[in-house]
Amino acid sequence: MKIAFLTPEYPYPNTGNSGGIGTSIKNLAQGLLAQGGMISLTSTKYQYNNYV
């Protein structure tokens, strides 16, 4: 399964989880990856490489 997320908010790697839609998308993406999904994540504010 291939899924893409487009979000204006995502937890910054150095601050950890703080709640909100960004953390929810991160948790969902990690769960889907664990089930064998292929995830693309694009933030409209920041660029993240290999951080899901």
C-alpha atoms as a PDB file:
ATOM      1  CA  MET A   1       0.000   0.000   0.000  1.00  0.00           C
ATOM      2  CA  LYS A   2       1.313   3.454  -0.910  1.00  0.00           C
ATOM      3  CA  ILE A   3       0.151   6.459   1.096  1.00  0.00           C
ATOM      4  CA  ALA A   4       1.147  10.128   0.952  1.00  0.00           C
ATOM      5  CA  PHE A   5       0.567  12.680   3.689  1.00  0.00           C
ATOM      6  CA  LEU A   6       0.640  16.423   3.040  1.00  0.00           C
ATOM      7  CA  THR A   7       0.667  18.415   6.257  1.00  0.00           C
ATOM      8  CA  PRO A   8       1.552  21.908   7.457  1.00  0.00           C
ATOM      9  CA  GLU A   9       2.630  20.500  10.830  1.00  0.00           C
ATOM     10  CA  TYR A  10       4.968  17.673  11.820  1.00  0.00           C
ATOM     11  CA  PRO A  11       6.981  17.138  15.019  1.00  0.00           C
ATOM     12  CA  TYR A  12      10.549  18.414  14.740  1.00  0.00           C
ATOM     13  CA  PRO A  13      13.074  15.618  15.445  1.00  0.00           C
ATOM     14  CA  ASN A  14      14.771  17.509  18.298  1.00  0.00           C
ATOM     15  CA  THR A  15      11.602  18.458  20.173  1.00  0.00           C
ATOM     16  CA  GLY A  16       9.800  15.131  20.211  1.00  0.00           C
ATOM     17  CA  ASN A  17       6.042  14.666  20.270  1.00  0.00           C
ATOM     18  CA  SER A  18       3.927  17.513  21.526  1.00  0.00           C
ATOM     19  CA  GLY A  19       0.414  16.542  20.439  1.00  0.00           C
ATOM     20  CA  GLY A  20      -1.693  17.907  17.624  1.00  0.00           C
ATOM     21  CA  ILE A  21      -2.264  16.803  14.039  1.00  0.00           C
ATOM     22  CA  GLY A  22       1.461  16.509  13.304  1.00  0.00           C
ATOM     23  CA  THR A  23       1.994  13.939  16.039  1.00  0.00           C
ATOM     24  CA  SER A  24      -1.124  12.055  14.945  1.00  0.00           C
ATOM     25  CA  ILE A  25       0.175  11.858  11.370  1.00  0.00           C
ATOM     26  CA  LYS A  26       3.574  10.695  12.624  1.00  0.00           C
ATOM     27  CA  ASN A  27       1.996   7.929  14.739  1.00  0.00           C
ATOM     28  CA  LEU A  28      -0.235   6.835  11.866  1.00  0.00           C
ATOM     29  CA  ALA A  29       2.700   6.789   9.421  1.00  0.00           C
ATOM     30  CA  GLN A  30       4.817   4.714  11.821  1.00  0.00           C
ATOM     31  CA  GLY A  31       1.970   2.219  12.269  1.00  0.00           C
ATOM     32  CA  LEU A  32       1.456   1.904   8.524  1.00  0.00           C
ATOM     33  CA  LEU A  33       5.191   1.409   7.976  1.00  0.00           C
ATOM     34  CA  ALA A  34       5.170  -1.363  10.571  1.00  0.00           C
ATOM     35  CA  GLN A  35       2.409  -3.050   8.539  1.00  0.00           C
ATOM     36  CA  GLY A  36       4.503  -2.896   5.352  1.00  0.00           C
ATOM     37  CA  GLY A  37       3.124   0.303   3.847  1.00  0.00           C
ATOM     38  CA  MET A  38       5.151   2.755   1.765  1.00  0.00           C
ATOM     39  CA  ILE A  39       4.795   6.269   3.175  1.00  0.00           C
ATOM     40  CA  SER A  40       5.621   9.658   1.669  1.00  0.00           C
ATOM     41  CA  LEU A  41       5.437  12.664   3.924  1.00  0.00           C
ATOM     42  CA  THR A  42       5.544  16.252   2.740  1.00  0.00           C
ATOM     43  CA  SER A  43       5.311  19.228   5.029  1.00  0.00           C
ATOM     44  CA  THR A  44       4.350  22.592   3.622  1.00  0.00           C
ATOM     45  CA  LYS A  45       6.668  24.298   6.133  1.00  0.00           C
ATOM     46  CA  TYR A  46       9.648  21.967   6.546  1.00  0.00           C
ATOM     47  CA  GLN A  47      11.471  19.208   4.710  1.00  0.00           C
ATOM     48  CA  TYR A  48      12.154  15.951   6.531  1.00  0.00           C
ATOM     49  CA  ASN A  49      14.387  13.191   5.242  1.00  0.00           C
ATOM     50  CA  ASN A  50      14.183   9.731   6.808  1.00  0.00           C
ATOM     51  CA  TYR A  51      12.207  10.906   9.796  1.00  0.00           C
ATOM     52  CA  VAL A  52       8.927   9.069  10.193  1.00  0.00           C
END
